Structures are given as C-alpha cells and as structure tokens.
PDB file of N, CA and C in Angstrom:
ATOM      1  N   MET A   1      40.957  15.073  -4.799  1.00  0.00           N
ATOM      2  CA  MET A   1      40.183  16.127  -4.170  1.00  0.00           C
ATOM      3  C   MET A   1      39.520  17.041  -5.206  1.00  0.00           C
ATOM      4  N   LEU A   2      40.233  17.344  -6.287  1.00  0.00           N
ATOM      5  CA  LEU A   2      39.662  18.193  -7.325  1.00  0.00           C
ATOM      6  C   LEU A   2      38.452  17.523  -7.977  1.00  0.00           C
ATOM      7  N   LYS A   3      38.563  16.219  -8.241  1.00  0.00           N
ATOM      8  CA  LYS A   3      37.439  15.498  -8.850  1.00  0.00           C
ATOM      9  C   LYS A   3      36.201  15.551  -7.963  1.00  0.00           C
ATOM     10  N   GLU A   4      36.402  15.450  -6.656  1.00  0.00           N
ATOM     11  CA  GLU A   4      35.281  15.502  -5.723  1.00  0.00           C
ATOM     12  C   GLU A   4      34.626  16.885  -5.728  1.00  0.00           C
ATOM     13  N   LYS A   5      35.456  17.935  -5.767  1.00  0.00           N
ATOM     14  CA  LYS A   5      34.913  19.301  -5.832  1.00  0.00           C
ATOM     15  C   LYS A   5      34.090  19.488  -7.099  1.00  0.00           C
ATOM     16  N   ILE A   6      34.648  19.049  -8.215  1.00  0.00           N
ATOM     17  CA  ILE A   6      33.959  19.196  -9.496  1.00  0.00           C
ATOM     18  C   ILE A   6      32.644  18.421  -9.480  1.00  0.00           C
ATOM     19  N   SER A   7      32.673  17.192  -8.977  1.00  0.00           N
ATOM     20  CA  SER A   7      31.447  16.382  -8.898  1.00  0.00           C
ATOM     21  C   SER A   7      30.395  17.060  -8.027  1.00  0.00           C
ATOM     22  N   ALA A   8      30.834  17.649  -6.923  1.00  0.00           N
ATOM     23  CA  ALA A   8      29.893  18.343  -6.031  1.00  0.00           C
ATOM     24  C   ALA A   8      29.270  19.548  -6.730  1.00  0.00           C
ATOM     25  N   PHE A   9      30.059  20.283  -7.489  1.00  0.00           N
ATOM     26  CA  PHE A   9      29.514  21.435  -8.217  1.00  0.00           C
ATOM     27  C   PHE A   9      28.528  20.980  -9.291  1.00  0.00           C
ATOM     28  N   ILE A  10      28.838  19.894  -9.992  1.00  0.00           N
ATOM     29  CA  ILE A  10      27.916  19.367 -11.000  1.00  0.00           C
ATOM     30  C   ILE A  10      26.600  18.961 -10.337  1.00  0.00           C
ATOM     31  N   GLU A  11      26.678  18.316  -9.180  1.00  0.00           N
ATOM     32  CA  GLU A  11      25.464  17.927  -8.455  1.00  0.00           C
ATOM     33  C   GLU A  11      24.643  19.149  -8.054  1.00  0.00           C
ATOM     34  N   GLN A  12      25.319  20.224  -7.644  1.00  0.00           N
ATOM     35  CA  GLN A  12      24.604  21.445  -7.264  1.00  0.00           C
ATOM     36  C   GLN A  12      23.877  22.046  -8.460  1.00  0.00           C
ATOM     37  N   VAL A  13      24.548  22.102  -9.610  1.00  0.00           N
ATOM     38  CA  VAL A  13      23.903  22.648 -10.808  1.00  0.00           C
ATOM     39  C   VAL A  13      22.765  21.736 -11.235  1.00  0.00           C
ATOM     40  N   GLN A  14      23.011  20.432 -11.218  1.00  0.00           N
ATOM     41  CA  GLN A  14      22.001  19.473 -11.642  1.00  0.00           C
ATOM     42  C   GLN A  14      20.748  19.545 -10.772  1.00  0.00           C
ATOM     43  N   SER A  15      20.901  19.937  -9.514  1.00  0.00           N
ATOM     44  CA  SER A  15      19.756  20.001  -8.604  1.00  0.00           C
ATOM     45  C   SER A  15      18.882  21.238  -8.807  1.00  0.00           C
ATOM     46  N   ILE A  16      19.341  22.173  -9.619  1.00  0.00           N
ATOM     47  CA  ILE A  16      18.571  23.394  -9.875  1.00  0.00           C
ATOM     48  C   ILE A  16      17.354  23.040 -10.733  1.00  0.00           C
ATOM     49  N   GLU A  17      16.217  23.570 -10.329  1.00  0.00           N
ATOM     50  CA  GLU A  17      14.977  23.291 -11.048  1.00  0.00           C
ATOM     51  C   GLU A  17      15.114  23.641 -12.530  1.00  0.00           C
ATOM     52  N   GLY A  18      14.766  22.683 -13.371  1.00  0.00           N
ATOM     53  CA  GLY A  18      14.774  22.900 -14.811  1.00  0.00           C
ATOM     54  C   GLY A  18      16.031  22.442 -15.512  1.00  0.00           C
ATOM     55  N   VAL A  19      17.135  22.230 -14.786  1.00  0.00           N
ATOM     56  CA  VAL A  19      18.386  21.824 -15.428  1.00  0.00           C
ATOM     57  C   VAL A  19      18.277  20.353 -15.836  1.00  0.00           C
ATOM     58  N   ALA A  20      18.366  20.117 -17.137  1.00  0.00           N
ATOM     59  CA  ALA A  20      18.295  18.762 -17.671  1.00  0.00           C
ATOM     60  C   ALA A  20      19.688  18.167 -17.850  1.00  0.00           C
ATOM     61  N   ALA A  21      20.663  19.003 -18.126  1.00  0.00           N
ATOM     62  CA  ALA A  21      22.032  18.555 -18.362  1.00  0.00           C
ATOM     63  C   ALA A  21      22.965  19.729 -18.074  1.00  0.00           C
ATOM     64  N   CYS A  22      24.197  19.397 -17.681  1.00  0.00           N
ATOM     65  CA  CYS A  22      25.133  20.488 -17.403  1.00  0.00           C
ATOM     66  C   CYS A  22      26.565  20.002 -17.471  1.00  0.00           C
ATOM     67  N   ALA A  23      27.467  20.964 -17.582  1.00  0.00           N
ATOM     68  CA  ALA A  23      28.894  20.663 -17.590  1.00  0.00           C
ATOM     69  C   ALA A  23      29.648  21.809 -16.952  1.00  0.00           C
ATOM     70  N   LEU A  24      30.745  21.467 -16.300  1.00  0.00           N
ATOM     71  CA  LEU A  24      31.717  22.444 -15.845  1.00  0.00           C
ATOM     72  C   LEU A  24      32.841  22.371 -16.858  1.00  0.00           C
ATOM     73  N   VAL A  25      33.111  23.499 -17.499  1.00  0.00           N
ATOM     74  CA  VAL A  25      34.014  23.542 -18.646  1.00  0.00           C
ATOM     75  C   VAL A  25      35.131  24.536 -18.361  1.00  0.00           C
ATOM     76  N   SER A  26      36.347  24.179 -18.738  1.00  0.00           N
ATOM     77  CA  SER A  26      37.447  25.131 -18.605  1.00  0.00           C
ATOM     78  C   SER A  26      37.246  26.248 -19.616  1.00  0.00           C
ATOM     79  N   ARG A  27      37.877  27.373 -19.366  1.00  0.00           N
ATOM     80  CA  ARG A  27      37.733  28.515 -20.279  1.00  0.00           C
ATOM     81  C   ARG A  27      38.302  28.214 -21.669  1.00  0.00           C
ATOM     82  N   ASP A  28      39.146  27.176 -21.766  1.00  0.00           N
ATOM     83  CA  ASP A  28      39.640  26.801 -23.091  1.00  0.00           C
ATOM     84  C   ASP A  28      38.843  25.646 -23.706  1.00  0.00           C
ATOM     85  N   GLY A  29      37.696  25.298 -23.084  1.00  0.00           N
ATOM     86  CA  GLY A  29      36.750  24.401 -23.719  1.00  0.00           C
ATOM     87  C   GLY A  29      36.835  22.933 -23.343  1.00  0.00           C
ATOM     88  N   ILE A  30      37.633  22.584 -22.345  1.00  0.00           N
ATOM     89  CA  ILE A  30      37.750  21.187 -21.921  1.00  0.00           C
ATOM     90  C   ILE A  30      36.719  20.906 -20.825  1.00  0.00           C
ATOM     91  N   ILE A  31      35.939  19.858 -20.991  1.00  0.00           N
ATOM     92  CA  ILE A  31      34.932  19.501 -19.991  1.00  0.00           C
ATOM     93  C   ILE A  31      35.624  18.866 -18.791  1.00  0.00           C
ATOM     94  N   ALA A  32      35.439  19.491 -17.625  1.00  0.00           N
ATOM     95  CA  ALA A  32      36.040  18.994 -16.380  1.00  0.00           C
ATOM     96  C   ALA A  32      35.095  18.055 -15.644  1.00  0.00           C
ATOM     97  N   GLY A  33      33.789  18.290 -15.779  1.00  0.00           N
ATOM     98  CA  GLY A  33      32.775  17.456 -15.153  1.00  0.00           C
ATOM     99  C   GLY A  33      31.468  17.643 -15.893  1.00  0.00           C
ATOM    100  N   LYS A  34      30.603  16.634 -15.813  1.00  0.00           N
ATOM    101  CA  LYS A  34      29.383  16.731 -16.613  1.00  0.00           C
ATOM    102  C   LYS A  34      28.295  15.808 -16.096  1.00  0.00           C
ATOM    103  N   HIS A  35      27.079  16.140 -16.473  1.00  0.00           N
ATOM    104  CA  HIS A  35      25.925  15.261 -16.354  1.00  0.00           C
ATOM    105  C   HIS A  35      25.057  15.564 -17.575  1.00  0.00           C
ATOM    106  N   PHE A  36      25.049  14.648 -18.527  1.00  0.00           N
ATOM    107  CA  PHE A  36      24.253  14.843 -19.736  1.00  0.00           C
ATOM    108  C   PHE A  36      23.104  13.849 -19.755  1.00  0.00           C
ATOM    109  N   ASP A  37      21.949  14.322 -20.195  1.00  0.00           N
ATOM    110  CA  ASP A  37      20.769  13.464 -20.310  1.00  0.00           C
ATOM    111  C   ASP A  37      20.527  13.034 -21.749  1.00  0.00           C
ATOM    112  N   ARG A  38      21.475  13.286 -22.599  1.00  0.00           N
ATOM    113  CA  ARG A  38      21.327  12.994 -24.026  1.00  0.00           C
ATOM    114  C   ARG A  38      22.701  12.729 -24.627  1.00  0.00           C
ATOM    115  N   ASP A  39      22.698  12.095 -25.790  1.00  0.00           N
ATOM    116  CA  ASP A  39      23.947  11.911 -26.524  1.00  0.00           C
ATOM    117  C   ASP A  39      24.290  13.209 -27.227  1.00  0.00           C
ATOM    118  N   LEU A  40      25.522  13.633 -27.076  1.00  0.00           N
ATOM    119  CA  LEU A  40      25.993  14.806 -27.800  1.00  0.00           C
ATOM    120  C   LEU A  40      27.499  14.723 -27.929  1.00  0.00           C
ATOM    121  N   ASN A  41      28.030  15.509 -28.802  1.00  0.00           N
ATOM    122  CA  ASN A  41      29.473  15.545 -29.006  1.00  0.00           C
ATOM    123  C   ASN A  41      30.075  16.403 -27.895  1.00  0.00           C
ATOM    124  N   GLU A  42      30.559  15.747 -26.856  1.00  0.00           N
ATOM    125  CA  GLU A  42      31.029  16.455 -25.667  1.00  0.00           C
ATOM    126  C   GLU A  42      32.190  17.410 -25.938  1.00  0.00           C
ATOM    127  N   PRO A  43      33.213  17.010 -26.700  1.00  0.00           N
ATOM    128  CA  PRO A  43      34.292  17.973 -26.961  1.00  0.00           C
ATOM    129  C   PRO A  43      33.809  19.242 -27.672  1.00  0.00           C
ATOM    130  N   TRP A  44      32.899  19.071 -28.631  1.00  0.00           N
ATOM    131  CA  TRP A  44      32.357  20.239 -29.334  1.00  0.00           C
ATOM    132  C   TRP A  44      31.504  21.092 -28.406  1.00  0.00           C
ATOM    133  N   PHE A  45      30.695  20.446 -27.568  1.00  0.00           N
ATOM    134  CA  PHE A  45      29.856  21.185 -26.622  1.00  0.00           C
ATOM    135  C   PHE A  45      30.740  22.056 -25.720  1.00  0.00           C
ATOM    136  N   GLY A  46      31.791  21.484 -25.183  1.00  0.00           N
ATOM    137  CA  GLY A  46      32.699  22.246 -24.326  1.00  0.00           C
ATOM    138  C   GLY A  46      33.387  23.378 -25.070  1.00  0.00           C
ATOM    139  N   ALA A  47      33.937  23.057 -26.238  1.00  0.00           N
ATOM    140  CA  ALA A  47      34.663  24.067 -27.014  1.00  0.00           C
ATOM    141  C   ALA A  47      33.752  25.209 -27.449  1.00  0.00           C
ATOM    142  N   LEU A  48      32.573  24.867 -27.924  1.00  0.00           N
ATOM    143  CA  LEU A  48      31.662  25.915 -28.389  1.00  0.00           C
ATOM    144  C   LEU A  48      31.092  26.733 -27.237  1.00  0.00           C
ATOM    145  N   SER A  49      30.848  26.103 -26.099  1.00  0.00           N
ATOM    146  CA  SER A  49      30.381  26.859 -24.931  1.00  0.00           C
ATOM    147  C   SER A  49      31.419  27.903 -24.530  1.00  0.00           C
ATOM    148  N   ALA A  50      32.690  27.503 -24.492  1.00  0.00           N
ATOM    149  CA  ALA A  50      33.762  28.443 -24.151  1.00  0.00           C
ATOM    150  C   ALA A  50      33.873  29.556 -25.194  1.00  0.00           C
ATOM    151  N   THR A  51      33.733  29.195 -26.458  1.00  0.00           N
ATOM    152  CA  THR A  51      33.816  30.185 -27.534  1.00  0.00           C
ATOM    153  C   THR A  51      32.672  31.186 -27.461  1.00  0.00           C
ATOM    154  N   ILE A  52      31.469  30.686 -27.217  1.00  0.00           N
ATOM    155  CA  ILE A  52      30.301  31.567 -27.135  1.00  0.00           C
ATOM    156  C   ILE A  52      30.461  32.561 -25.987  1.00  0.00           C
ATOM    157  N   LEU A  53      30.858  32.069 -24.799  1.00  0.00           N
ATOM    158  CA  LEU A  53      31.009  32.976 -23.663  1.00  0.00           C
ATOM    159  C   LEU A  53      32.123  33.986 -23.910  1.00  0.00           C
ATOM    160  N   ALA A  54      33.241  33.536 -24.448  1.00  0.00           N
ATOM    161  CA  ALA A  54      34.353  34.463 -24.736  1.00  0.00           C
ATOM    162  C   ALA A  54      33.937  35.521 -25.753  1.00  0.00           C
ATOM    163  N   SER A  55      33.192  35.110 -26.765  1.00  0.00           N
ATOM    164  CA  SER A  55      32.714  36.072 -27.769  1.00  0.00           C
ATOM    165  C   SER A  55      31.760  37.081 -27.154  1.00  0.00           C
ATOM    166  N   ALA A  56      30.848  36.608 -26.305  1.00  0.00           N
ATOM    167  CA  ALA A  56      29.904  37.515 -25.642  1.00  0.00           C
ATOM    168  C   ALA A  56      30.638  38.485 -24.723  1.00  0.00           C
ATOM    169  N   GLU A  57      31.643  37.994 -24.005  1.00  0.00           N
ATOM    170  CA  GLU A  57      32.428  38.886 -23.143  1.00  0.00           C
ATOM    171  C   GLU A  57      33.164  39.938 -23.968  1.00  0.00           C
ATOM    172  N   SER A  58      33.633  39.563 -25.143  1.00  0.00           N
ATOM    173  CA  SER A  58      34.296  40.529 -26.033  1.00  0.00           C
ATOM    174  C   SER A  58      33.320  41.596 -26.512  1.00  0.00           C
ATOM    175  N   VAL A  59      32.119  41.187 -26.884  1.00  0.00           N
ATOM    176  CA  VAL A  59      31.098  42.157 -27.291  1.00  0.00           C
ATOM    177  C   VAL A  59      30.770  43.079 -26.122  1.00  0.00           C
ATOM    178  N   GLY A  60      30.632  42.499 -24.924  1.00  0.00           N
ATOM    179  CA  GLY A  60      30.378  43.313 -23.737  1.00  0.00           C
ATOM    180  C   GLY A  60      31.457  44.359 -23.520  1.00  0.00           C
ATOM    181  N   SER A  61      32.696  43.966 -23.740  1.00  0.00           N
ATOM    182  CA  SER A  61      33.808  44.909 -23.601  1.00  0.00           C
ATOM    183  C   SER A  61      33.720  46.026 -24.639  1.00  0.00           C
ATOM    184  N   ILE A  62      33.371  45.666 -25.854  1.00  0.00           N
ATOM    185  CA  ILE A  62      33.263  46.657 -26.934  1.00  0.00           C
ATOM    186  C   ILE A  62      32.199  47.702 -26.620  1.00  0.00           C
ATOM    187  N   ILE A  63      31.098  47.267 -26.024  1.00  0.00           N
ATOM    188  CA  ILE A  63      30.011  48.209 -25.726  1.00  0.00           C
ATOM    189  C   ILE A  63      30.133  48.797 -24.318  1.00  0.00           C
ATOM    190  N   HIS A  64      31.254  48.506 -23.658  1.00  0.00           N
ATOM    191  CA  HIS A  64      31.556  49.029 -22.322  1.00  0.00           C
ATOM    192  C   HIS A  64      30.547  48.587 -21.263  1.00  0.00           C
ATOM    193  N   ALA A  65      30.092  47.333 -21.388  1.00  0.00           N
ATOM    194  CA  ALA A  65      29.210  46.765 -20.368  1.00  0.00           C
ATOM    195  C   ALA A  65      30.042  46.489 -19.121  1.00  0.00           C
ATOM    196  N   LYS A  66      29.490  46.745 -17.951  1.00  0.00           N
ATOM    197  CA  LYS A  66      30.229  46.567 -16.702  1.00  0.00           C
ATOM    198  C   LYS A  66      30.566  45.108 -16.439  1.00  0.00           C
ATOM    199  N   SER A  67      29.601  44.245 -16.638  1.00  0.00           N
ATOM    200  CA  SER A  67      29.810  42.839 -16.310  1.00  0.00           C
ATOM    201  C   SER A  67      28.888  41.993 -17.166  1.00  0.00           C
ATOM    202  N   LEU A  68      29.392  40.830 -17.553  1.00  0.00           N
ATOM    203  CA  LEU A  68      28.569  39.902 -18.326  1.00  0.00           C
ATOM    204  C   LEU A  68      28.480  38.613 -17.525  1.00  0.00           C
ATOM    205  N   ASP A  69      27.302  38.332 -16.967  1.00  0.00           N
ATOM    206  CA  ASP A  69      27.116  37.143 -16.146  1.00  0.00           C
ATOM    207  C   ASP A  69      26.965  35.884 -16.983  1.00  0.00           C
ATOM    208  N   SER A  70      26.202  35.997 -18.054  1.00  0.00           N
ATOM    209  CA  SER A  70      25.858  34.777 -18.782  1.00  0.00           C
ATOM    210  C   SER A  70      25.376  35.081 -20.193  1.00  0.00           C
ATOM    211  N   VAL A  71      25.281  34.002 -20.952  1.00  0.00           N
ATOM    212  CA  VAL A  71      24.692  34.039 -22.287  1.00  0.00           C
ATOM    213  C   VAL A  71      23.554  33.025 -22.284  1.00  0.00           C
ATOM    214  N   THR A  72      22.422  33.421 -22.836  1.00  0.00           N
ATOM    215  CA  THR A  72      21.278  32.514 -22.928  1.00  0.00           C
ATOM    216  C   THR A  72      20.947  32.287 -24.390  1.00  0.00           C
ATOM    217  N   ILE A  73      20.842  31.020 -24.744  1.00  0.00           N
ATOM    218  CA  ILE A  73      20.470  30.630 -26.100  1.00  0.00           C
ATOM    219  C   ILE A  73      19.111  29.950 -25.996  1.00  0.00           C
ATOM    220  N   ARG A  74      18.119  30.493 -26.674  1.00  0.00           N
ATOM    221  CA  ARG A  74      16.772  29.931 -26.602  1.00  0.00           C
ATOM    222  C   ARG A  74      16.432  29.232 -27.911  1.00  0.00           C
ATOM    223  N   ALA A  75      15.960  28.008 -27.765  1.00  0.00           N
ATOM    224  CA  ALA A  75      15.482  27.230 -28.904  1.00  0.00           C
ATOM    225  C   ALA A  75      14.040  26.832 -28.611  1.00  0.00           C
ATOM    226  N   GLU A  76      13.398  26.243 -29.572  1.00  0.00           N
ATOM    227  CA  GLU A  76      12.004  25.862 -29.398  1.00  0.00           C
ATOM    228  C   GLU A  76      11.838  24.808 -28.295  1.00  0.00           C
ATOM    229  N   ASP A  77      12.802  23.904 -28.191  1.00  0.00           N
ATOM    230  CA  ASP A  77      12.646  22.785 -27.267  1.00  0.00           C
ATOM    231  C   ASP A  77      13.649  22.767 -26.106  1.00  0.00           C
ATOM    232  N   ALA A  78      14.425  23.814 -25.943  1.00  0.00           N
ATOM    233  CA  ALA A  78      15.386  23.880 -24.832  1.00  0.00           C
ATOM    234  C   ALA A  78      15.992  25.271 -24.771  1.00  0.00           C
ATOM    235  N   THR A  79      16.620  25.545 -23.642  1.00  0.00           N
ATOM    236  CA  THR A  79      17.378  26.779 -23.469  1.00  0.00           C
ATOM    237  C   THR A  79      18.745  26.379 -22.947  1.00  0.00           C
ATOM    238  N   ILE A  80      19.785  27.041 -23.418  1.00  0.00           N
ATOM    239  CA  ILE A  80      21.136  26.801 -22.929  1.00  0.00           C
ATOM    240  C   ILE A  80      21.604  28.068 -22.228  1.00  0.00           C
ATOM    241  N   ILE A  81      22.098  27.907 -21.013  1.00  0.00           N
ATOM    242  CA  ILE A  81      22.689  29.019 -20.273  1.00  0.00           C
ATOM    243  C   ILE A  81      24.167  28.717 -20.100  1.00  0.00           C
ATOM    244  N   ILE A  82      25.002  29.655 -20.507  1.00  0.00           N
ATOM    245  CA  ILE A  82      26.451  29.538 -20.339  1.00  0.00           C
ATOM    246  C   ILE A  82      26.872  30.683 -19.441  1.00  0.00           C
ATOM    247  N   MET A  83      27.534  30.339 -18.334  1.00  0.00           N
ATOM    248  CA  MET A  83      27.817  31.325 -17.298  1.00  0.00           C
ATOM    249  C   MET A  83      29.265  31.209 -16.834  1.00  0.00           C
ATOM    250  N   GLY A  84      29.945  32.340 -16.758  1.00  0.00           N
ATOM    251  CA  GLY A  84      31.301  32.347 -16.234  1.00  0.00           C
ATOM    252  C   GLY A  84      31.316  31.942 -14.770  1.00  0.00           C
ATOM    253  N   ALA A  85      32.341  31.182 -14.393  1.00  0.00           N
ATOM    254  CA  ALA A  85      32.489  30.724 -13.009  1.00  0.00           C
ATOM    255  C   ALA A  85      33.947  30.928 -12.592  1.00  0.00           C
ATOM    256  N   GLY A  86      34.377  32.172 -12.651  1.00  0.00           N
ATOM    257  CA  GLY A  86      35.758  32.492 -12.315  1.00  0.00           C
ATOM    258  C   GLY A  86      36.632  32.587 -13.550  1.00  0.00           C
ATOM    259  N   GLU A  87      37.928  32.762 -13.297  1.00  0.00           N
ATOM    260  CA  GLU A  87      38.876  32.943 -14.396  1.00  0.00           C
ATOM    261  C   GLU A  87      39.103  31.678 -15.204  1.00  0.00           C
ATOM    262  N   ASN A  88      38.885  30.515 -14.579  1.00  0.00           N
ATOM    263  CA  ASN A  88      39.265  29.269 -15.223  1.00  0.00           C
ATOM    264  C   ASN A  88      38.115  28.404 -15.725  1.00  0.00           C
ATOM    265  N   PHE A  89      36.895  28.679 -15.264  1.00  0.00           N
ATOM    266  CA  PHE A  89      35.786  27.782 -15.582  1.00  0.00           C
ATOM    267  C   PHE A  89      34.527  28.524 -15.999  1.00  0.00           C
ATOM    268  N   LEU A  90      33.625  27.756 -16.603  1.00  0.00           N
ATOM    269  CA  LEU A  90      32.278  28.220 -16.908  1.00  0.00           C
ATOM    270  C   LEU A  90      31.324  27.063 -16.687  1.00  0.00           C
ATOM    271  N   ILE A  91      30.077  27.400 -16.490  1.00  0.00           N
ATOM    272  CA  ILE A  91      29.013  26.408 -16.387  1.00  0.00           C
ATOM    273  C   ILE A  91      28.193  26.499 -17.670  1.00  0.00           C
ATOM    274  N   ALA A  92      27.915  25.351 -18.265  1.00  0.00           N
ATOM    275  CA  ALA A  92      27.004  25.285 -19.410  1.00  0.00           C
ATOM    276  C   ALA A  92      25.864  24.364 -19.008  1.00  0.00           C
ATOM    277  N   ALA A  93      24.634  24.859 -19.073  1.00  0.00           N
ATOM    278  CA  ALA A  93      23.481  24.065 -18.660  1.00  0.00           C
ATOM    279  C   ALA A  93      22.407  24.083 -19.735  1.00  0.00           C
ATOM    280  N   ILE A  94      21.815  22.925 -19.942  1.00  0.00           N
ATOM    281  CA  ILE A  94      20.667  22.799 -20.834  1.00  0.00           C
ATOM    282  C   ILE A  94      19.429  22.769 -19.949  1.00  0.00           C
ATOM    283  N   ILE A  95      18.538  23.717 -20.187  1.00  0.00           N
ATOM    284  CA  ILE A  95      17.324  23.841 -19.393  1.00  0.00           C
ATOM    285  C   ILE A  95      16.180  23.188 -20.153  1.00  0.00           C
ATOM    286  N   SER A  96      15.412  22.398 -19.461  1.00  0.00           N
ATOM    287  CA  SER A  96      14.275  21.689 -20.048  1.00  0.00           C
ATOM    288  C   SER A  96      13.302  22.663 -20.705  1.00  0.00           C
ATOM    289  N   ASP A  97      12.656  22.191 -21.760  1.00  0.00           N
ATOM    290  CA  ASP A  97      11.692  23.035 -22.466  1.00  0.00           C
ATOM    291  C   ASP A  97      10.443  23.320 -21.641  1.00  0.00           C
ATOM    292  N   ILE A  98      10.206  22.555 -20.595  1.00  0.00           N
ATOM    293  CA  ILE A  98       9.019  22.800 -19.763  1.00  0.00           C
ATOM    294  C   ILE A  98       9.342  23.690 -18.558  1.00  0.00           C
ATOM    295  N   ALA A  99      10.597  24.055 -18.406  1.00  0.00           N
ATOM    296  CA  ALA A  99      11.007  24.892 -17.276  1.00  0.00           C
ATOM    297  C   ALA A  99      11.128  26.350 -17.700  1.00  0.00           C
ATOM    298  N   ASP A 100      11.098  27.233 -16.715  1.00  0.00           N
ATOM    299  CA  ASP A 100      11.293  28.666 -16.940  1.00  0.00           C
ATOM    300  C   ASP A 100      12.765  28.978 -16.697  1.00  0.00           C
ATOM    301  N   PRO A 101      13.525  29.278 -17.748  1.00  0.00           N
ATOM    302  CA  PRO A 101      14.959  29.506 -17.580  1.00  0.00           C
ATOM    303  C   PRO A 101      15.288  30.680 -16.654  1.00  0.00           C
ATOM    304  N   THR A 102      14.386  31.627 -16.526  1.00  0.00           N
ATOM    305  CA  THR A 102      14.664  32.758 -15.638  1.00  0.00           C
ATOM    306  C   THR A 102      14.747  32.313 -14.183  1.00  0.00           C
ATOM    307  N   LYS A 103      14.081  31.214 -13.854  1.00  0.00           N
ATOM    308  CA  LYS A 103      14.140  30.692 -12.484  1.00  0.00           C
ATOM    309  C   LYS A 103      15.425  29.905 -12.224  1.00  0.00           C
ATOM    310  N   SER A 104      16.108  29.510 -13.272  1.00  0.00           N
ATOM    311  CA  SER A 104      17.359  28.759 -13.131  1.00  0.00           C
ATOM    312  C   SER A 104      18.570  29.685 -13.010  1.00  0.00           C
ATOM    313  N   HIS A 105      18.451  30.900 -13.489  1.00  0.00           N
ATOM    314  CA  HIS A 105      19.594  31.796 -13.578  1.00  0.00           C
ATOM    315  C   HIS A 105      20.196  32.151 -12.215  1.00  0.00           C
ATOM    316  N   ALA A 106      19.393  32.604 -11.279  1.00  0.00           N
ATOM    317  CA  ALA A 106      19.925  33.030  -9.973  1.00  0.00           C
ATOM    318  C   ALA A 106      20.593  31.883  -9.212  1.00  0.00           C
ATOM    319  N   PRO A 107      19.972  30.698  -9.149  1.00  0.00           N
ATOM    320  CA  PRO A 107      20.672  29.595  -8.483  1.00  0.00           C
ATOM    321  C   PRO A 107      21.977  29.203  -9.186  1.00  0.00           C
ATOM    322  N   MET A 108      21.996  29.272 -10.517  1.00  0.00           N
ATOM    323  CA  MET A 108      23.243  28.989 -11.240  1.00  0.00           C
ATOM    324  C   MET A 108      24.307  30.016 -10.907  1.00  0.00           C
ATOM    325  N   LEU A 109      23.901  31.272 -10.797  1.00  0.00           N
ATOM    326  CA  LEU A 109      24.840  32.339 -10.447  1.00  0.00           C
ATOM    327  C   LEU A 109      25.455  32.087  -9.071  1.00  0.00           C
ATOM    328  N   ALA A 110      24.650  31.578  -8.137  1.00  0.00           N
ATOM    329  CA  ALA A 110      25.158  31.263  -6.796  1.00  0.00           C
ATOM    330  C   ALA A 110      26.200  30.143  -6.856  1.00  0.00           C
ATOM    331  N   VAL A 111      25.951  29.121  -7.668  1.00  0.00           N
ATOM    332  CA  VAL A 111      26.937  28.034  -7.813  1.00  0.00           C
ATOM    333  C   VAL A 111      28.190  28.561  -8.507  1.00  0.00           C
ATOM    334  N   ALA A 112      28.009  29.401  -9.512  1.00  0.00           N
ATOM    335  CA  ALA A 112      29.168  29.983 -10.207  1.00  0.00           C
ATOM    336  C   ALA A 112      30.049  30.767  -9.235  1.00  0.00           C
ATOM    337  N   GLN A 113      29.433  31.477  -8.313  1.00  0.00           N
ATOM    338  CA  GLN A 113      30.194  32.226  -7.307  1.00  0.00           C
ATOM    339  C   GLN A 113      30.982  31.275  -6.410  1.00  0.00           C
ATOM    340  N   LYS A 114      30.375  30.157  -6.023  1.00  0.00           N
ATOM    341  CA  LYS A 114      31.076  29.163  -5.203  1.00  0.00           C
ATOM    342  C   LYS A 114      32.281  28.594  -5.950  1.00  0.00           C
ATOM    343  N   ILE A 115      32.096  28.327  -7.238  1.00  0.00           N
ATOM    344  CA  ILE A 115      33.202  27.812  -8.061  1.00  0.00           C
ATOM    345  C   ILE A 115      34.300  28.858  -8.142  1.00  0.00           C
ATOM    346  N   ARG A 116      33.922  30.103  -8.369  1.00  0.00           N
ATOM    347  CA  ARG A 116      34.877  31.209  -8.466  1.00  0.00           C
ATOM    348  C   ARG A 116      35.730  31.289  -7.188  1.00  0.00           C
ATOM    349  N   GLU A 117      35.101  31.126  -6.048  1.00  0.00           N
ATOM    350  CA  GLU A 117      35.808  31.218  -4.778  1.00  0.00           C
ATOM    351  C   GLU A 117      36.671  29.994  -4.492  1.00  0.00           C
ATOM    352  N   ALA A 118      36.239  28.817  -4.956  1.00  0.00           N
ATOM    353  CA  ALA A 118      36.927  27.574  -4.626  1.00  0.00           C
ATOM    354  C   ALA A 118      38.037  27.196  -5.597  1.00  0.00           C
ATOM    355  N   MET A 119      37.943  27.670  -6.823  1.00  0.00           N
ATOM    356  CA  MET A 119      38.875  27.193  -7.841  1.00  0.00           C
ATOM    357  C   MET A 119      39.542  28.369  -8.499  1.00  0.00           C
TER     358      MET A 119
END
C-alpha cells in the first residue's frame, strides 16, 4: 500500500507542467520513489536534496522566518525545486529549462500538502 501511495504522489508531481524529473525523498536522504529523465547518481541526489533543504530550514530559523516552503536552485539549463512534504519527506523536482518554474511551485505545494496529510 505504501508503494502505491508513493507511486501516485510521483505521478502527481510528474504531471505538473514543466517537471522533467522528480523524487520523493525521506528527510534523511533516501529516495522512496522517483521518475528521472536522465542518468544521475540517485543516492547523492537524494542525500544532497535533504541536506540542502535542512540547511535552508536552519538558515530560516536563524533569521526567524515563519515558514520555509522550498528552495529553488536555478541553473542555465534547468531549475531544481526542493520542497518539504511533512516531517518525513520532501519533494525534489527538476524543472525543464523551457518551463517557468514559478508556475510549477503552487501545484507542487498542493502535492506536498497531500503527502504531509497522508504520510
């Protein structure tokens, strides 16, 4: 049943306009589910995504930010959005270079909320 839930969440993220690849990652960096459109080092991707979000949340705490929804990494040919999805998971998505990442954020936030409630 858990595998089916995870697969359904990956499908929901993958269906968001502009998402080229995505993963549901535990807060300790283990990939629980994924859809990648490219070869990459999956364990490192998961571990670094968790590290980046945890570091950003720590900075947010230091500056007394109320809430940190996500971290966005922009490169010339892609954007990566890493978003908390409850206490145990995060979503990491690679957004296509031809897409507008700002249009992907709100739908990802909605999926993250569903994950937060379900898991």
